Amino acid sequence: MDKPTYPDQDNPCMLRRVRLDHHDSVRNHVHQQVLTEVERLERRIEILRLAKAPHVAVMISTYERMIDRKKGFLRNWDLDEQRYY
């Protein structure tokens, strides 16, 4: 399977600007980054559900655990969805 490409890799000028001296800027950046990772994992699960491979169930289970941990991280650090809409 090919590695996914991300816009930031293609154009270094498109890198997100994070102001480390501003707490909210860092929190917003982390929140967005983790949400993006969760969305990618959820898309992978959707694709895997259509696959007829022998270890699909194990892979889906692993991705679901990763999603749960990422969402738990957001809750523990008060970065959950309710705050950012």
Protein backbone atom coordinates (compact mmCIF):
# COMPACT_ATOMS: atom_id res chain seq x y z
CA MET A 1 0.00 0.00 0.00
CA ASP A 2 1.36 3.40 -0.94
CA LYS A 3 2.05 5.97 1.73
CA PRO A 4 -0.50 8.80 1.74
CA THR A 5 0.78 12.20 0.76
CA TYR A 6 -0.12 15.25 2.75
CA PRO A 7 -0.37 18.83 1.48
CA ASP A 8 2.32 19.99 3.90
CA GLN A 9 4.87 17.64 2.32
CA ASP A 10 4.27 18.93 -1.19
CA ASN A 11 4.47 22.61 -0.39
CA PRO A 12 6.52 23.68 2.65
CA CYS A 13 4.93 27.13 2.46
CA MET A 14 1.59 25.52 3.40
CA LEU A 15 2.84 24.42 6.84
CA ARG A 16 0.57 25.46 9.68
CA ARG A 17 1.77 28.37 11.70
CA VAL A 18 1.65 27.50 15.40
CA ARG A 19 2.44 30.25 17.85
CA LEU A 20 4.04 28.40 20.73
CA ASP A 21 3.86 31.46 22.94
CA HIS A 22 0.06 31.41 22.69
CA HIS A 23 -1.59 28.62 24.66
CA ASP A 24 -4.82 28.63 22.61
CA SER A 25 -2.90 28.44 19.34
CA VAL A 26 -1.12 25.29 20.50
CA ARG A 27 -4.34 23.77 21.86
CA ASN A 28 -6.16 24.48 18.60
CA HIS A 29 -3.32 22.98 16.59
CA VAL A 30 -3.20 19.80 18.70
CA HIS A 31 -7.00 19.50 18.58
CA GLN A 32 -7.04 19.80 14.79
CA GLN A 33 -4.12 17.41 14.36
CA VAL A 34 -5.70 14.68 16.51
CA LEU A 35 -9.09 15.10 14.79
CA THR A 36 -7.39 14.71 11.41
CA GLU A 37 -5.71 11.51 12.61
CA VAL A 38 -9.05 10.15 13.88
CA GLU A 39 -10.73 10.94 10.54
CA ARG A 40 -7.97 9.12 8.64
CA LEU A 41 -8.31 6.06 10.87
CA GLU A 42 -12.09 6.06 10.43
CA ARG A 43 -11.66 6.15 6.63
CA ARG A 44 -9.22 3.24 6.84
CA ILE A 45 -11.77 1.25 8.81
CA GLU A 46 -14.44 1.95 6.17
CA ILE A 47 -12.10 0.70 3.45
CA LEU A 48 -11.12 -2.37 5.46
CA ARG A 49 -14.77 -3.32 6.03
CA LEU A 50 -15.03 -3.79 2.26
CA ALA A 51 -11.88 -5.91 2.05
CA LYS A 52 -11.87 -9.69 2.06
CA ALA A 53 -8.47 -10.19 3.69
CA PRO A 54 -7.79 -12.77 6.41
CA HIS A 55 -6.73 -10.30 9.13
CA VAL A 56 -9.19 -7.48 8.53
CA ALA A 57 -10.94 -7.95 11.89
CA VAL A 58 -7.66 -7.60 13.78
CA MET A 59 -6.70 -4.48 11.86
CA ILE A 60 -10.12 -2.90 12.38
CA SER A 61 -9.95 -3.67 16.10
CA THR A 62 -6.51 -2.08 16.33
CA TYR A 63 -7.64 1.06 14.51
CA GLU A 64 -10.72 1.30 16.75
CA ARG A 65 -8.50 1.13 19.86
CA MET A 66 -6.29 3.87 18.40
CA ILE A 67 -9.36 6.03 17.78
CA ASP A 68 -10.58 5.45 21.35
CA ARG A 69 -7.20 6.46 22.75
CA LYS A 70 -7.03 9.60 20.63
CA LYS A 71 -10.56 10.60 21.66
CA GLY A 72 -9.63 9.85 25.28
CA PHE A 73 -6.62 12.12 24.92
CA LEU A 74 -8.89 14.92 23.67
CA ARG A 75 -11.27 14.42 26.63
CA ASN A 76 -8.48 14.25 29.22
CA TRP A 77 -6.93 17.49 28.01
CA ASP A 78 -10.30 19.25 27.58
CA LEU A 79 -9.88 19.33 23.82
CA ASP A 80 -13.06 17.44 23.03
CA GLU A 81 -15.53 18.45 20.34
CA GLN A 82 -17.89 20.46 22.54
CA ARG A 83 -15.31 23.18 23.01
CA TYR A 84 -14.41 23.48 19.33
CA TYR A 85 -17.33 23.77 16.97
